[in-house]
Amino acid sequence: MPLTGNVRALWRLARPFTCLPPAVGVATGALSGIGAEMRRHGKTFHGVVEELDLRGLADVPPRHWSHVVIFGALAAIALNVYSNALNQLCDEEIDRLAKPERPLVTQALSRGAAWAIAFSALLASLAWGLFVRPPGSRVPEFLFCALLAAILTTAYSLPPVRLKRFGLAANFAIASARGLLLKVAGWACLFAALSPFDPEPWALGAVFFLFTFGAVTTKDFSDAQADAACGVRSLPVAWGFEKAAWLAACCLSLPWLLLPALAFFGALTMPLAAAGALGGALALYGAWIGWLLVRDPARLGAERNHPAWAHMYVLMMAAQLGTAGVYLYG
């Protein structure tokens, strides 16, 4: 196969576009932790990062706080490549019906090569994760989150568990790995989230969990016919397009209203006014995306890439960047 063909096949297996949100999620989770530390102790940004670097000087490399975050982002990207490769390996029958351009279906890439890429990406993720922990700490909290996310990802795709077959369980697994644990892992790059336990990153992660729980359904509508033929009962298959669309619409909008609520009760240290403005803006954008879903549910299965799918990714990125911005500058 020509080199360009190999690169194209690898690109379609890894799906780099989907790797950006995990990397940004880890980086913004770490920045949110810095912002929370600033507000809890009345410090400046430079004061917090200087303290992090001083604590890291006696530690093994990487010794600079930003290097720790970069390693965390790389680990998240590698874990996402593992997820994408494993999903295509386990979904080849479905992809023959719904996505015939995928590299395993077209035989542009062999199954052996795809397994090698999947395991290499998983090992790379865990290897990078070894270098990610709060400066001065010996507790690998980030690695724990990465391992748990890898287990959930594997259980989602790989038989005999294959949670993908069961709509609510599938959404729970993805939302836990790519919503809740992603924010906690980002926070745990620089600050303790487990030892000692800090409820704030879990509260922030819970908001992203609820969003992701419904948002992942936006990709299931166009695959519904193929899923049903292969025994996968995604929410559009199990509930029908209309009910699944309404669940997704609610999760795209309502969770963001928890940001000011959690700030009001002190679960999040972000300023209440800024949290309200951000939560309101995200909720309005999410409501508009939800309207795209529910206005004509019958069309959802006829379009390969419904506009709501792309907007869901934009909303996710806006929420990740927005929460970090509010923590730092709100």
Protein backbone atom coordinates (compact mmCIF):
# COMPACT_ATOMS: atom_id res chain seq x y z
CA MET A 1 0.00 0.00 0.00
CA PRO A 2 1.35 3.49 -0.82
CA LEU A 3 2.48 5.61 2.10
CA THR A 4 -0.38 8.06 1.60
CA GLY A 5 -2.82 5.15 1.81
CA ASN A 6 -1.30 3.99 5.09
CA VAL A 7 -1.50 7.47 6.56
CA ARG A 8 -5.11 7.85 5.45
CA ALA A 9 -6.03 4.48 6.97
CA LEU A 10 -4.33 5.34 10.26
CA TRP A 11 -6.05 8.73 10.28
CA ARG A 12 -9.47 7.11 9.88
CA LEU A 13 -8.71 4.57 12.59
CA ALA A 14 -7.45 7.12 15.11
CA ARG A 15 -10.01 9.83 14.19
CA PRO A 16 -7.86 12.74 15.45
CA PHE A 17 -10.80 15.16 15.58
CA THR A 18 -12.23 13.18 18.50
CA CYS A 19 -8.87 13.31 20.32
CA LEU A 20 -8.95 17.08 20.83
CA PRO A 21 -11.70 17.22 23.51
CA PRO A 22 -9.91 14.75 25.87
CA ALA A 23 -6.66 16.71 25.62
CA VAL A 24 -8.44 20.02 26.21
CA GLY A 25 -10.47 18.41 28.99
CA VAL A 26 -7.34 17.38 30.90
CA ALA A 27 -5.61 20.75 30.37
CA THR A 28 -8.66 22.78 31.41
CA GLY A 29 -9.22 20.48 34.39
CA ALA A 30 -5.70 21.28 35.58
CA LEU A 31 -6.24 25.00 35.00
CA SER A 32 -9.52 24.81 36.93
CA GLY A 33 -7.56 23.32 39.82
CA ILE A 34 -5.13 26.24 39.70
CA GLY A 35 -8.06 28.66 39.72
CA ALA A 36 -9.64 26.91 42.69
CA GLU A 37 -6.31 27.05 44.57
CA MET A 38 -6.09 30.78 43.82
CA ARG A 39 -9.55 31.43 45.25
CA ARG A 40 -9.25 29.16 48.26
CA HIS A 41 -6.01 30.73 49.49
CA GLY A 42 -6.06 34.22 47.97
CA LYS A 43 -3.06 33.56 45.74
CA THR A 44 -2.17 34.82 42.29
CA PHE A 45 -1.76 32.53 39.29
CA HIS A 46 2.01 32.99 39.35
CA GLY A 47 2.07 32.33 43.08
CA VAL A 48 0.30 29.00 42.63
CA VAL A 49 2.45 27.80 39.73
CA GLU A 50 5.68 28.87 41.44
CA GLU A 51 4.68 26.82 44.45
CA LEU A 52 3.90 23.87 42.19
CA ASP A 53 7.30 24.12 40.51
CA LEU A 54 9.10 24.39 43.86
CA ARG A 55 7.35 21.27 45.13
CA GLY A 56 8.25 19.50 41.91
CA LEU A 57 11.99 20.23 42.10
CA ALA A 58 12.61 17.29 44.40
CA ASP A 59 10.51 14.98 42.27
CA VAL A 60 11.34 12.87 39.23
CA PRO A 61 10.87 14.50 35.78
CA PRO A 62 8.78 16.18 34.51
CA ARG A 63 9.67 18.95 36.96
CA HIS A 64 7.62 21.85 35.61
CA TRP A 65 3.88 22.04 36.20
CA SER A 66 3.13 22.64 32.51
CA HIS A 67 5.11 19.55 31.54
CA VAL A 68 2.95 17.48 33.87
CA VAL A 69 -0.18 18.82 32.16
CA ILE A 70 1.27 18.11 28.70
CA PHE A 71 1.99 14.51 29.69
CA GLY A 72 -1.57 14.24 30.96
CA ALA A 73 -2.99 15.59 27.71
CA LEU A 74 -0.84 13.17 25.68
CA ALA A 75 -2.05 10.29 27.84
CA ALA A 76 -5.66 11.34 27.20
CA ILE A 77 -5.06 11.50 23.45
CA ALA A 78 -3.44 8.05 23.41
CA LEU A 79 -6.29 6.57 25.45
CA ASN A 80 -8.78 8.05 22.99
CA VAL A 81 -6.88 6.48 20.06
CA TYR A 82 -7.10 3.14 21.90
CA SER A 83 -10.84 3.65 22.34
CA ASN A 84 -11.37 4.50 18.67
CA ALA A 85 -9.30 1.57 17.42
CA LEU A 86 -10.93 -0.92 19.78
CA ASN A 87 -14.38 0.34 18.87
CA GLN A 88 -13.74 -0.19 15.15
CA LEU A 89 -12.26 -3.65 15.77
CA CYS A 90 -15.36 -4.69 17.71
CA ASP A 91 -17.84 -2.89 15.42
CA GLU A 92 -16.66 -4.13 12.04
CA GLU A 93 -20.00 -5.82 11.35
CA ILE A 94 -21.91 -2.64 12.18
CA ASP A 95 -19.51 -0.49 10.17
CA ARG A 96 -20.07 -2.64 7.07
CA LEU A 97 -23.65 -1.40 7.13
CA ALA A 98 -23.33 2.12 8.54
CA LYS A 99 -19.77 3.27 7.81
CA PRO A 100 -18.41 1.28 4.86
CA GLU A 101 -15.53 3.75 4.40
CA ARG A 102 -13.85 2.70 7.65
CA PRO A 103 -10.34 1.24 7.10
CA LEU A 104 -11.07 -2.24 8.47
CA VAL A 105 -14.14 -2.58 6.25
CA THR A 106 -12.27 -1.48 3.13
CA GLN A 107 -9.28 -3.62 4.21
CA ALA A 108 -7.04 -0.57 3.95
CA LEU A 109 -5.78 -1.72 7.35
CA SER A 110 -5.52 -5.28 8.63
CA ARG A 111 -7.06 -6.36 11.93
CA GLY A 112 -3.61 -7.33 13.18
CA ALA A 113 -2.29 -3.84 12.51
CA ALA A 114 -5.33 -2.30 14.18
CA TRP A 115 -4.84 -4.45 17.29
CA ALA A 116 -1.18 -3.45 17.39
CA ILE A 117 -2.12 0.23 17.18
CA ALA A 118 -4.77 -0.17 19.88
CA PHE A 119 -2.45 -1.87 22.37
CA SER A 120 0.42 0.51 21.58
CA ALA A 121 -1.85 3.49 22.25
CA LEU A 122 -3.04 1.96 25.53
CA LEU A 123 0.52 1.29 26.70
CA ALA A 124 1.60 4.79 25.67
CA SER A 125 -1.29 6.28 27.64
CA LEU A 126 -0.38 4.37 30.81
CA ALA A 127 3.34 5.08 30.36
CA TRP A 128 2.73 8.82 30.06
CA GLY A 129 0.34 8.55 33.00
CA LEU A 130 3.20 7.34 35.20
CA PHE A 131 4.73 10.83 35.01
CA VAL A 132 1.49 12.63 35.88
CA ARG A 133 0.80 13.40 39.52
CA PRO A 134 0.66 16.45 41.76
CA PRO A 135 4.22 17.85 42.16
CA GLY A 136 5.85 16.39 45.23
CA SER A 137 3.25 13.63 45.53
CA ARG A 138 3.89 9.91 45.16
CA VAL A 139 0.21 9.02 44.67
CA PRO A 140 -0.59 8.29 40.98
CA GLU A 141 -4.11 9.70 41.02
CA PHE A 142 -4.09 10.52 37.32
CA LEU A 143 -2.98 6.98 36.50
CA PHE A 144 -5.84 5.60 38.60
CA CYS A 145 -8.34 7.68 36.60
CA ALA A 146 -6.72 6.59 33.32
CA LEU A 147 -6.86 2.91 34.30
CA LEU A 148 -10.51 3.17 35.30
CA ALA A 149 -11.33 4.99 32.05
CA ALA A 150 -9.49 2.28 30.08
CA ILE A 151 -11.49 -0.43 31.87
CA LEU A 152 -14.76 1.35 31.08
CA THR A 153 -13.71 1.87 27.47
CA THR A 154 -12.80 -1.79 27.09
CA ALA A 155 -16.03 -2.94 28.73
CA TYR A 156 -17.98 -0.66 26.38
CA SER A 157 -16.66 -2.25 23.18
CA LEU A 158 -15.16 -5.67 23.88
CA PRO A 159 -17.19 -8.89 24.19
CA PRO A 160 -18.38 -10.62 26.25
CA VAL A 161 -19.24 -7.57 28.39
CA ARG A 162 -19.81 -5.17 25.47
CA LEU A 163 -21.84 -2.55 27.28
CA LYS A 164 -22.53 -0.91 23.93
CA ARG A 165 -25.37 -3.43 23.52
CA PHE A 166 -27.30 -1.87 26.40
CA GLY A 167 -28.34 1.74 25.86
CA LEU A 168 -28.27 3.25 29.36
CA ALA A 169 -25.25 1.20 30.46
CA ALA A 170 -23.38 2.27 27.32
CA ASN A 171 -24.10 5.94 27.94
CA PHE A 172 -23.09 5.57 31.60
CA ALA A 173 -19.73 4.03 30.68
CA ILE A 174 -18.89 6.74 28.14
CA ALA A 175 -20.08 9.57 30.38
CA SER A 176 -18.02 8.22 33.28
CA ALA A 177 -14.84 7.92 31.21
CA ARG A 178 -15.14 11.05 29.06
CA GLY A 179 -17.10 13.28 31.39
CA LEU A 180 -16.56 12.61 35.09
CA LEU A 181 -13.11 11.00 35.12
CA LEU A 182 -11.69 13.34 32.47
CA LYS A 183 -12.19 16.40 34.67
CA VAL A 184 -10.98 14.63 37.81
CA ALA A 185 -7.89 13.37 35.96
CA GLY A 186 -7.10 16.87 34.72
CA TRP A 187 -7.43 18.28 38.24
CA ALA A 188 -5.29 15.41 39.61
CA CYS A 189 -2.41 16.40 37.33
CA LEU A 190 -1.54 19.15 39.81
CA PHE A 191 -3.69 18.77 42.93
CA ALA A 192 -4.94 15.94 45.11
CA ALA A 193 -8.42 14.72 44.23
CA LEU A 194 -8.36 11.37 46.01
CA SER A 195 -5.78 11.56 48.78
CA PRO A 196 -6.92 13.60 50.55
CA PHE A 197 -10.33 13.52 48.92
CA ASP A 198 -11.41 16.81 47.37
CA PRO A 199 -15.11 16.92 46.36
CA GLU A 200 -14.75 19.91 44.03
CA PRO A 201 -13.27 18.16 40.96
CA TRP A 202 -15.91 15.44 41.34
CA ALA A 203 -18.68 18.04 41.46
CA LEU A 204 -17.31 19.68 38.31
CA GLY A 205 -16.92 16.28 36.68
CA ALA A 206 -20.52 15.40 37.57
CA VAL A 207 -21.77 18.32 35.46
CA PHE A 208 -19.77 17.04 32.48
CA PHE A 209 -20.99 13.49 33.21
CA LEU A 210 -24.63 14.56 32.89
CA PHE A 211 -23.90 16.46 29.68
CA THR A 212 -21.97 13.57 28.13
CA PHE A 213 -24.59 11.01 29.21
CA GLY A 214 -27.06 12.45 26.74
CA ALA A 215 -24.68 14.04 24.26
CA VAL A 216 -23.19 10.70 23.17
CA THR A 217 -26.60 9.68 21.87
CA THR A 218 -26.24 12.20 19.03
CA LYS A 219 -23.89 9.76 17.26
CA ASP A 220 -26.28 6.82 17.62
CA PHE A 221 -29.15 8.01 15.46
CA SER A 222 -27.48 7.51 12.08
CA ASP A 223 -26.29 4.04 13.17
CA ALA A 224 -29.64 2.90 14.54
CA GLN A 225 -30.58 0.63 11.63
CA ALA A 226 -27.17 -1.07 11.60
CA ASP A 227 -27.13 -1.32 15.41
CA ALA A 228 -30.54 -3.00 15.44
CA ALA A 229 -29.46 -5.48 12.76
CA CYS A 230 -26.39 -6.41 14.84
CA GLY A 231 -28.11 -6.74 18.20
CA VAL A 232 -27.02 -3.40 19.68
CA ARG A 233 -29.85 -1.70 21.55
CA SER A 234 -28.67 1.90 21.65
CA LEU A 235 -31.17 4.40 23.01
CA PRO A 236 -32.60 5.28 19.57
CA VAL A 237 -33.15 1.54 18.98
CA ALA A 238 -34.51 0.74 22.45
CA TRP A 239 -36.56 3.91 23.05
CA GLY A 240 -37.26 5.19 19.58
CA PHE A 241 -35.91 8.34 18.00
CA GLU A 242 -38.28 10.78 19.70
CA LYS A 243 -37.63 9.73 23.32
CA ALA A 244 -33.89 9.40 22.73
CA ALA A 245 -33.82 12.85 21.12
CA TRP A 246 -35.57 14.39 24.12
CA LEU A 247 -33.13 12.78 26.55
CA ALA A 248 -30.19 14.08 24.54
CA ALA A 249 -31.78 17.54 24.31
CA CYS A 250 -32.24 17.76 28.09
CA CYS A 251 -28.66 16.65 28.78
CA LEU A 252 -27.25 19.12 26.27
CA SER A 253 -28.84 22.04 28.13
CA LEU A 254 -29.91 21.47 31.73
CA PRO A 255 -26.63 20.29 33.35
CA TRP A 256 -24.99 23.67 32.74
CA LEU A 257 -27.49 25.29 35.08
CA LEU A 258 -25.83 23.29 37.86
CA LEU A 259 -22.72 25.46 37.56
CA PRO A 260 -24.26 28.49 39.34
CA ALA A 261 -26.22 26.20 41.69
CA LEU A 262 -23.05 24.40 42.80
CA ALA A 263 -21.22 27.72 43.08
CA PHE A 264 -24.03 29.10 45.25
CA PHE A 265 -23.80 26.16 47.67
CA GLY A 266 -20.00 26.30 47.75
CA ALA A 267 -19.35 23.01 45.95
CA LEU A 268 -17.53 24.97 43.24
CA THR A 269 -15.27 27.90 44.13
CA MET A 270 -15.90 29.73 40.85
CA PRO A 271 -17.54 33.18 41.28
CA LEU A 272 -21.34 32.94 41.34
CA ALA A 273 -22.01 35.73 38.80
CA ALA A 274 -19.52 34.35 36.28
CA ALA A 275 -20.77 30.81 36.85
CA GLY A 276 -24.32 32.01 36.20
CA ALA A 277 -23.34 33.80 33.00
CA LEU A 278 -21.39 30.83 31.69
CA GLY A 279 -24.04 28.30 32.72
CA GLY A 280 -26.80 30.37 31.13
CA ALA A 281 -24.91 30.80 27.85
CA LEU A 282 -24.07 27.10 27.64
CA ALA A 283 -27.65 26.13 28.50
CA LEU A 284 -29.03 28.36 25.74
CA TYR A 285 -26.61 26.92 23.18
CA GLY A 286 -27.44 23.41 24.36
CA ALA A 287 -31.17 24.14 24.11
CA TRP A 288 -30.73 25.25 20.50
CA ILE A 289 -28.80 22.06 19.69
CA GLY A 290 -31.54 20.07 21.42
CA TRP A 291 -34.14 21.81 19.27
CA LEU A 292 -32.26 20.61 16.19
CA LEU A 293 -32.70 17.08 17.51
CA VAL A 294 -36.34 17.13 18.56
CA ARG A 295 -37.83 19.26 15.78
CA ASP A 296 -37.80 16.32 13.34
CA PRO A 297 -36.67 13.06 14.98
CA ALA A 298 -37.41 11.04 11.84
CA ARG A 299 -34.60 12.84 9.99
CA LEU A 300 -32.00 11.86 12.55
CA GLY A 301 -31.53 8.37 11.14
CA ALA A 302 -31.30 9.58 7.57
CA GLU A 303 -28.32 11.91 7.95
CA ARG A 304 -24.83 10.46 8.40
CA ASN A 305 -23.56 13.53 10.26
CA HIS A 306 -26.48 15.42 11.75
CA PRO A 307 -25.59 19.08 12.50
CA ALA A 308 -26.24 18.46 16.20
CA TRP A 309 -23.27 16.08 16.35
CA ALA A 310 -20.77 18.76 15.33
CA HIS A 311 -22.43 21.37 17.56
CA MET A 312 -22.22 18.95 20.48
CA TYR A 313 -18.43 18.91 20.13
CA VAL A 314 -18.32 22.71 19.92
CA LEU A 315 -20.47 22.97 23.04
CA MET A 316 -18.21 20.52 24.88
CA MET A 317 -15.10 22.51 23.99
CA ALA A 318 -16.78 25.80 24.92
CA ALA A 319 -17.75 24.34 28.30
CA GLN A 320 -14.25 23.05 28.99
CA LEU A 321 -12.57 26.33 28.08
CA GLY A 322 -15.32 28.38 29.71
CA THR A 323 -15.13 26.67 33.09
CA ALA A 324 -11.35 27.05 33.19
CA GLY A 325 -11.69 30.71 32.21
CA VAL A 326 -14.23 31.38 34.96
CA TYR A 327 -12.02 29.71 37.56
CA LEU A 328 -9.01 31.78 36.50
CA TYR A 329 -10.54 35.12 35.56
CA GLY A 330 -14.18 35.18 36.67
